[in-house]
């Protein structure tokens, strides 16, 4: 079992704040700061040769570590600057079943998923409703998949409730009707053990911004290996080609592996930080982080029950991870007042969202919850 107190020293921000917003932006680790400084030093001391001495090898290592996080086959992962870009690439390039024009999306999914398909006039988007405003059972997806359904696109964990979907069941239902399945795992990368092969999804996207503590600018995607030869993104760049340094202009030959999903020059500084955060989390062990977060959110739910505060997060440990949302009629005000007292949370319409970093200790959590519950009950002045 990791020594959480010893690991806590890796995150200087935790000395200044009770950090209950790790699912939005993970705190910068010391190794991440050192990596950013190393990027500047490498660039400044070497100039152009740094591409070959340091930067391209770092990108290869990043892809390797992404494969380890996802338990993905070699050559099936690619780097993207954001999950939105990754989704755009997949929306334009996945070999969807011909003659089908319906995309199925969960009502509680993150807006970017809907926006990708609502912006494409050739498709009809259907949203799967949530009866309780907190969960959507796999059966609700399955009963809406028909002969028109090309793709089921949904998130692994709902960002507003912390509900962990049974994505294998959703993928099985999609495949049984001849549709593909795309999973957005941004909220589970780094806090839930991942295995894209066991999920049996056709595509997966994630990034380093949140639980991986890698900051913005490093996202990634996976495509099932047998689909890759037929993936032809409509938006591309020279680094998606088989041989970028041939500088071929008059023909486009995509890379044989998932690198064909990449585009132009990488945001290398971001990838230094992203790799540092990713390697830290892999060293700690995602399975340990998951258990720790479930312990912390168990206590948050207990405190809310004791205070009579309504929550929108499942009680069963195996149906959630990392997030608890609380009912609140003035969430932005509560967020601001808590920040002024050294507690960082997030607000969503009608809710305050808590996602404790896994190195928050028990005493800090109790103090943070004292302040959260106090602010929720304090009337507007």
Protein backbone atom coordinates (compact mmCIF):
# COMPACT_ATOMS: atom_id res chain seq x y z
CA UNK A 1 0.00 0.00 0.00
CA UNK A 2 1.42 3.44 -0.87
CA UNK A 3 2.57 5.81 1.86
CA UNK A 4 0.06 8.59 1.20
CA UNK A 5 1.68 11.02 3.62
CA UNK A 6 5.07 10.61 1.98
CA UNK A 7 3.53 11.03 -1.48
CA UNK A 8 1.75 14.18 -0.33
CA UNK A 9 5.07 16.04 -0.32
CA UNK A 10 5.17 15.58 -4.10
CA UNK A 11 2.36 18.16 -4.43
CA UNK A 12 3.30 21.58 -2.93
CA UNK A 13 -0.18 22.96 -3.66
CA UNK A 14 -1.58 20.67 -0.97
CA UNK A 15 0.36 22.66 1.64
CA UNK A 16 -1.69 25.74 0.73
CA UNK A 17 -5.16 24.40 -0.01
CA UNK A 18 -7.49 21.58 0.90
CA UNK A 19 -7.77 20.31 -2.64
CA UNK A 20 -11.20 18.92 -3.50
CA UNK A 21 -11.12 19.50 -7.27
CA UNK A 22 -8.69 16.94 -8.67
CA UNK A 23 -11.16 15.78 -11.32
CA UNK A 24 -10.96 19.22 -12.92
CA UNK A 25 -7.24 19.99 -12.70
CA UNK A 26 -4.80 17.74 -10.90
CA UNK A 27 -2.20 19.54 -8.77
CA UNK A 28 1.25 19.97 -10.29
CA UNK A 29 3.73 17.43 -8.89
CA UNK A 30 7.34 18.33 -8.21
CA UNK A 31 8.36 15.95 -10.99
CA UNK A 32 6.09 17.88 -13.37
CA UNK A 33 7.70 21.21 -12.50
CA UNK A 34 11.14 19.66 -12.95
CA UNK A 35 10.08 18.27 -16.33
CA UNK A 36 8.93 21.70 -17.54
CA UNK A 37 12.23 23.19 -16.43
CA UNK A 38 14.08 20.39 -18.22
CA UNK A 39 12.15 21.13 -21.42
CA UNK A 40 13.32 24.75 -21.31
CA UNK A 41 16.89 23.70 -20.57
CA UNK A 42 16.95 21.09 -23.37
CA UNK A 43 15.59 23.57 -25.91
CA UNK A 44 17.91 26.39 -24.81
CA UNK A 45 21.09 24.34 -24.75
CA UNK A 46 20.61 22.35 -27.97
CA UNK A 47 18.41 24.22 -30.42
CA UNK A 48 17.15 22.28 -33.44
CA UNK A 49 19.00 18.98 -32.67
CA UNK A 50 16.85 18.63 -29.55
CA UNK A 51 14.09 17.22 -31.76
CA UNK A 52 16.08 14.06 -32.36
CA UNK A 53 18.12 13.86 -29.14
CA UNK A 54 15.24 14.42 -26.71
CA UNK A 55 11.84 15.40 -28.07
CA UNK A 56 11.00 12.55 -30.46
CA UNK A 57 12.26 9.92 -27.97
CA UNK A 58 10.11 11.58 -25.28
CA UNK A 59 7.05 11.31 -27.53
CA UNK A 60 7.76 7.63 -28.08
CA UNK A 61 8.03 7.12 -24.33
CA UNK A 62 4.77 9.00 -23.81
CA UNK A 63 2.96 6.71 -26.24
CA UNK A 64 4.45 3.69 -24.47
CA UNK A 65 3.26 4.89 -21.06
CA UNK A 66 -0.19 5.68 -22.45
CA UNK A 67 -0.37 2.08 -23.69
CA UNK A 68 0.55 0.91 -20.20
CA UNK A 69 -2.20 3.05 -18.65
CA UNK A 70 -4.81 1.71 -21.06
CA UNK A 71 -3.42 -1.83 -21.35
CA UNK A 72 -3.56 -1.21 -25.08
CA UNK A 73 -1.79 -3.15 -27.85
CA UNK A 74 1.33 -1.67 -29.41
CA UNK A 75 0.65 0.83 -32.17
CA UNK A 76 -2.95 1.47 -31.12
CA UNK A 77 -2.54 4.80 -29.28
CA UNK A 78 -1.88 8.34 -30.45
CA UNK A 79 -1.24 11.74 -28.88
CA UNK A 80 -3.64 14.69 -29.19
CA UNK A 81 -3.57 18.25 -27.79
CA UNK A 82 -7.01 17.87 -26.17
CA UNK A 83 -9.83 15.39 -25.84
CA UNK A 84 -11.98 17.64 -28.03
CA UNK A 85 -9.41 17.33 -30.82
CA UNK A 86 -9.21 13.57 -30.27
CA UNK A 87 -13.00 13.29 -30.55
CA UNK A 88 -13.02 15.45 -33.68
CA UNK A 89 -10.41 13.21 -35.28
CA UNK A 90 -12.44 10.10 -34.48
CA UNK A 91 -15.73 11.65 -35.56
CA UNK A 92 -14.26 12.40 -38.99
CA UNK A 93 -12.21 9.24 -39.40
CA UNK A 94 -13.77 6.20 -37.76
CA UNK A 95 -15.04 3.66 -40.32
CA UNK A 96 -18.68 3.74 -39.23
CA UNK A 97 -21.06 1.08 -40.54
CA UNK A 98 -22.36 2.23 -43.95
CA UNK A 99 -25.97 3.26 -44.33
CA UNK A 100 -26.38 4.23 -40.69
CA UNK A 101 -26.97 7.78 -39.49
CA UNK A 102 -27.83 7.68 -35.77
CA UNK A 103 -25.42 8.46 -32.92
CA UNK A 104 -26.45 7.44 -29.41
CA UNK A 105 -25.15 9.56 -26.49
CA UNK A 106 -25.96 9.56 -22.77
CA UNK A 107 -28.00 12.44 -21.40
CA UNK A 108 -25.42 12.93 -18.62
CA UNK A 109 -22.38 12.90 -20.90
CA UNK A 110 -19.96 15.81 -21.23
CA UNK A 111 -21.08 18.45 -23.79
CA UNK A 112 -18.12 17.94 -26.14
CA UNK A 113 -19.38 14.47 -27.04
CA UNK A 114 -22.72 15.84 -28.14
CA UNK A 115 -21.19 18.81 -29.90
CA UNK A 116 -19.03 16.59 -32.14
CA UNK A 117 -22.08 14.95 -33.64
CA UNK A 118 -24.58 17.80 -33.47
CA UNK A 119 -22.19 19.75 -35.71
CA UNK A 120 -22.38 17.03 -38.39
CA UNK A 121 -25.59 17.41 -40.44
CA UNK A 122 -25.44 13.86 -41.81
CA UNK A 123 -26.23 12.34 -38.42
CA UNK A 124 -29.19 12.26 -36.07
CA UNK A 125 -28.19 12.43 -32.41
CA UNK A 126 -30.34 10.65 -29.84
CA UNK A 127 -29.74 11.19 -26.13
CA UNK A 128 -30.36 8.33 -23.71
CA UNK A 129 -32.32 9.70 -20.73
CA UNK A 130 -31.47 9.27 -17.05
CA UNK A 131 -34.46 8.43 -14.90
CA UNK A 132 -32.80 9.45 -11.63
CA UNK A 133 -30.55 12.28 -12.86
CA UNK A 134 -27.54 10.33 -11.60
CA UNK A 135 -27.14 7.07 -13.52
CA UNK A 136 -27.98 5.47 -16.86
CA UNK A 137 -28.11 1.65 -16.85
CA UNK A 138 -26.61 -0.19 -19.85
CA UNK A 139 -30.08 -1.49 -20.68
CA UNK A 140 -31.22 2.06 -21.44
CA UNK A 141 -28.58 2.24 -24.18
CA UNK A 142 -29.29 -1.28 -25.43
CA UNK A 143 -33.00 -0.74 -25.95
CA UNK A 144 -32.33 2.28 -28.19
CA UNK A 145 -29.71 0.69 -30.43
CA UNK A 146 -31.24 -0.26 -33.78
CA UNK A 147 -30.37 -0.79 -37.42
CA UNK A 148 -29.78 2.94 -37.91
CA UNK A 149 -27.30 3.25 -35.03
CA UNK A 150 -23.75 3.81 -36.27
CA UNK A 151 -22.07 4.61 -32.96
CA UNK A 152 -22.67 4.68 -29.23
CA UNK A 153 -20.51 7.42 -27.70
CA UNK A 154 -20.53 7.91 -23.94
CA UNK A 155 -18.32 8.68 -20.96
CA UNK A 156 -16.81 6.09 -18.65
CA UNK A 157 -17.71 8.16 -15.58
CA UNK A 158 -20.31 10.94 -15.50
CA UNK A 159 -18.67 14.23 -14.63
CA UNK A 160 -21.69 15.58 -12.71
CA UNK A 161 -22.40 12.54 -10.53
CA UNK A 162 -19.33 10.29 -10.35
CA UNK A 163 -21.32 7.31 -11.67
CA UNK A 164 -19.05 4.66 -13.21
CA UNK A 165 -20.70 3.11 -16.23
CA UNK A 166 -20.51 -0.56 -17.19
CA UNK A 167 -18.91 0.26 -20.51
CA UNK A 168 -18.32 -3.38 -21.45
CA UNK A 169 -22.07 -3.99 -21.32
CA UNK A 170 -22.65 -0.92 -23.48
CA UNK A 171 -20.01 -2.05 -26.00
CA UNK A 172 -21.53 -5.54 -26.12
CA UNK A 173 -24.96 -4.08 -26.81
CA UNK A 174 -23.59 -1.86 -29.59
CA UNK A 175 -21.69 -4.69 -31.26
CA UNK A 176 -24.70 -7.04 -31.06
CA UNK A 177 -26.55 -4.61 -33.35
CA UNK A 178 -23.59 -3.89 -35.64
CA UNK A 179 -22.69 -0.48 -34.18
CA UNK A 180 -19.35 0.83 -32.91
CA UNK A 181 -18.66 2.06 -29.38
CA UNK A 182 -16.54 5.06 -28.35
CA UNK A 183 -15.69 5.68 -24.68
CA UNK A 184 -14.56 9.02 -23.24
CA UNK A 185 -12.43 8.08 -20.23
CA UNK A 186 -11.16 11.54 -19.30
CA UNK A 187 -12.66 11.26 -15.81
CA UNK A 188 -11.27 7.75 -15.16
CA UNK A 189 -7.71 8.05 -16.48
CA UNK A 190 -5.60 7.84 -13.34
CA UNK A 191 -8.32 6.92 -10.85
CA UNK A 192 -9.85 3.72 -12.28
CA UNK A 193 -7.75 0.82 -13.65
CA UNK A 194 -8.26 0.72 -17.42
CA UNK A 195 -8.16 -2.08 -19.96
CA UNK A 196 -9.44 -1.08 -23.39
CA UNK A 197 -9.22 -4.67 -24.63
CA UNK A 198 -11.41 -5.92 -21.77
CA UNK A 199 -13.81 -3.02 -22.36
CA UNK A 200 -14.04 -4.17 -26.00
CA UNK A 201 -14.58 -0.57 -27.09
CA UNK A 202 -13.69 0.45 -30.62
CA UNK A 203 -12.19 3.78 -29.57
CA UNK A 204 -11.21 5.47 -26.31
CA UNK A 205 -10.11 9.01 -25.48
CA UNK A 206 -8.50 10.44 -22.35
CA UNK A 207 -6.01 12.99 -21.14
CA UNK A 208 -3.53 14.05 -18.48
CA UNK A 209 -5.28 17.18 -17.19
CA UNK A 210 -7.25 15.64 -14.33
CA UNK A 211 -6.28 12.67 -12.15
CA UNK A 212 -2.98 12.19 -14.01
CA UNK A 213 -1.71 15.62 -12.84
CA UNK A 214 -0.11 16.30 -16.21
CA UNK A 215 -1.74 19.65 -16.96
CA UNK A 216 -3.47 20.75 -20.18
CA UNK A 217 -2.13 19.99 -23.64
CA UNK A 218 -1.65 16.22 -23.42
CA UNK A 219 -4.53 14.01 -24.45
CA UNK A 220 -4.61 10.67 -26.22
CA UNK A 221 -6.77 8.23 -28.10
CA UNK A 222 -6.96 4.52 -28.76
CA UNK A 223 -8.47 2.69 -31.72
CA UNK A 224 -9.06 -1.04 -31.95
CA UNK A 225 -6.09 -2.34 -34.01
CA UNK A 226 -8.14 -4.04 -36.73
CA UNK A 227 -9.96 -0.77 -37.43
CA UNK A 228 -6.84 1.37 -37.79
CA UNK A 229 -6.12 0.63 -41.48
CA UNK A 230 -9.57 1.99 -42.35
CA UNK A 231 -9.36 5.13 -40.22
CA UNK A 232 -8.93 8.17 -42.48
CA UNK A 233 -9.27 11.45 -40.57
CA UNK A 234 -10.51 14.37 -42.65
CA UNK A 235 -8.38 16.75 -40.60
CA UNK A 236 -4.75 15.71 -40.57
CA UNK A 237 -1.14 16.91 -40.63
CA UNK A 238 2.28 15.90 -41.80
CA UNK A 239 3.12 13.96 -38.65
CA UNK A 240 0.23 11.60 -39.39
CA UNK A 241 2.02 10.30 -42.48
CA UNK A 242 4.09 7.16 -42.77
CA UNK A 243 7.31 9.13 -43.35
CA UNK A 244 6.95 12.79 -42.30
CA UNK A 245 10.54 13.64 -43.14
CA UNK A 246 10.14 12.62 -46.77
CA UNK A 247 8.32 15.97 -47.15
CA UNK A 248 6.00 14.49 -49.73
CA UNK A 249 3.45 17.05 -50.96
CA UNK A 250 1.51 15.45 -53.80
CA UNK A 251 0.29 12.27 -52.10
CA UNK A 252 -0.98 11.36 -48.64
CA UNK A 253 0.15 8.06 -47.17
CA UNK A 254 -1.04 7.65 -43.60
CA UNK A 255 1.09 5.95 -40.96
CA UNK A 256 0.32 2.26 -40.62
CA UNK A 257 -0.40 2.50 -36.89
CA UNK A 258 -2.45 4.87 -34.73
CA UNK A 259 0.02 7.67 -35.37
CA UNK A 260 -2.18 8.39 -38.41
CA UNK A 261 -4.54 9.98 -35.86
CA UNK A 262 -2.01 12.63 -34.94
CA UNK A 263 -1.69 15.91 -36.82
CA UNK A 264 1.02 18.58 -36.79
CA UNK A 265 3.84 19.66 -34.52
CA UNK A 266 3.33 18.46 -30.97
CA UNK A 267 3.00 20.74 -27.93
CA UNK A 268 6.23 19.35 -26.55
CA UNK A 269 6.37 21.42 -23.35
CA UNK A 270 2.96 20.08 -22.33
CA UNK A 271 4.09 16.53 -23.06
CA UNK A 272 7.08 16.86 -20.73
CA UNK A 273 4.64 17.65 -17.91
CA UNK A 274 2.07 15.12 -19.09
CA UNK A 275 4.61 12.30 -19.13
CA UNK A 276 5.88 13.21 -15.65
CA UNK A 277 2.38 13.10 -14.17
CA UNK A 278 1.50 9.89 -15.98
CA UNK A 279 4.63 8.11 -14.79
CA UNK A 280 4.02 9.21 -11.20
CA UNK A 281 0.51 7.78 -11.23
CA UNK A 282 1.65 4.53 -12.83
CA UNK A 283 4.33 4.20 -10.14
CA UNK A 284 1.78 4.74 -7.35
CA UNK A 285 -0.66 2.31 -8.95
CA UNK A 286 -4.07 3.29 -10.28
CA UNK A 287 -5.72 0.47 -8.34
CA UNK A 288 -4.40 1.95 -5.08
CA UNK A 289 -5.60 5.42 -6.04
CA UNK A 290 -9.06 4.04 -6.80
CA UNK A 291 -9.33 2.44 -3.36
CA UNK A 292 -8.09 5.59 -1.66
CA UNK A 293 -10.58 7.80 -3.49
CA UNK A 294 -13.45 5.47 -2.64
CA UNK A 295 -12.47 5.69 1.03
CA UNK A 296 -12.41 9.48 0.89
CA UNK A 297 -15.72 9.73 -0.95
CA UNK A 298 -17.28 7.24 1.49
CA UNK A 299 -16.56 9.77 4.22
CA UNK A 300 -17.88 12.71 2.17
CA UNK A 301 -21.15 10.87 1.65
CA UNK A 302 -21.34 10.07 5.39
CA UNK A 303 -20.82 13.72 6.29
CA UNK A 304 -23.49 14.82 3.83
CA UNK A 305 -25.95 12.28 5.24
CA UNK A 306 -25.27 13.46 8.77
CA UNK A 307 -25.88 17.06 7.70
CA UNK A 308 -29.00 16.28 5.68
CA UNK A 309 -27.42 17.46 2.41
CA UNK A 310 -28.73 15.86 -0.77
CA UNK A 311 -26.14 14.21 -3.01
CA UNK A 312 -26.24 12.94 -6.59
CA UNK A 313 -23.63 10.19 -6.39
CA UNK A 314 -24.17 6.41 -6.11
CA UNK A 315 -23.55 4.90 -2.67
CA UNK A 316 -22.15 1.57 -3.88
CA UNK A 317 -18.35 1.80 -3.99
CA UNK A 318 -18.03 -0.10 -7.25
CA UNK A 319 -20.43 2.25 -9.05
CA UNK A 320 -18.47 5.45 -8.40
CA UNK A 321 -14.98 6.87 -8.08
CA UNK A 322 -13.55 10.21 -7.04
CA UNK A 323 -16.56 12.51 -7.36
CA UNK A 324 -19.43 13.47 -5.06
CA UNK A 325 -21.88 16.20 -6.09
CA UNK A 326 -24.00 18.08 -3.58
CA UNK A 327 -27.21 19.97 -4.11
CA UNK A 328 -26.70 23.75 -3.90
CA UNK A 329 -28.84 26.67 -5.04
CA UNK A 330 -25.88 29.08 -5.28
CA UNK A 331 -22.88 26.95 -6.28
CA UNK A 332 -20.66 29.70 -7.69
CA UNK A 333 -20.97 31.76 -4.52
CA UNK A 334 -20.17 28.74 -2.35
CA UNK A 335 -17.16 27.90 -4.52
CA UNK A 336 -15.79 31.45 -4.19
CA UNK A 337 -16.31 31.60 -0.42
CA UNK A 338 -14.62 28.25 0.07
CA UNK A 339 -11.66 29.32 -2.03
CA UNK A 340 -11.24 32.37 0.18
CA UNK A 341 -10.91 30.00 3.16
CA UNK A 342 -8.43 27.68 1.50
CA UNK A 343 -10.71 24.98 0.10
CA UNK A 344 -10.83 24.41 -3.66
CA UNK A 345 -14.03 22.83 -5.03
CA UNK A 346 -15.91 23.13 -8.32
CA UNK A 347 -19.38 24.38 -9.16
CA UNK A 348 -21.87 23.11 -11.69
CA UNK A 349 -25.45 24.30 -12.25
CA UNK A 350 -27.35 23.53 -9.05
CA UNK A 351 -24.47 21.60 -7.54
CA UNK A 352 -21.12 21.78 -5.81
CA UNK A 353 -18.74 19.06 -6.96
CA UNK A 354 -16.12 17.55 -4.65
CA UNK A 355 -13.26 15.42 -5.95
CA UNK A 356 -10.57 15.09 -3.26
CA UNK A 357 -7.02 14.52 -4.38
CA UNK A 358 -5.83 11.12 -3.23
CA UNK A 359 -3.16 12.69 -0.98
CA UNK A 360 -5.65 14.76 1.01
CA UNK A 361 -5.42 13.35 4.54
CA UNK A 362 -8.30 12.52 6.84
CA UNK A 363 -7.90 15.61 9.04
CA UNK A 364 -7.90 17.89 6.01
CA UNK A 365 -10.95 16.17 4.63
CA UNK A 366 -12.86 16.69 7.87
CA UNK A 367 -11.87 20.36 8.00
CA UNK A 368 -12.79 20.79 4.35
CA UNK A 369 -16.18 19.17 4.88
CA UNK A 370 -16.82 21.35 7.94
CA UNK A 371 -16.36 24.40 5.72
CA UNK A 372 -18.31 22.98 2.76
CA UNK A 373 -21.32 22.14 4.91
CA UNK A 374 -21.13 25.46 6.72
CA UNK A 375 -21.12 27.41 3.45
CA UNK A 376 -23.96 25.36 1.98
CA UNK A 377 -26.16 26.27 4.94
CA UNK A 378 -25.14 29.90 5.31
CA UNK A 379 -27.79 32.16 3.75
CA UNK A 380 -26.91 34.72 1.10
CA UNK A 381 -26.07 38.13 2.60
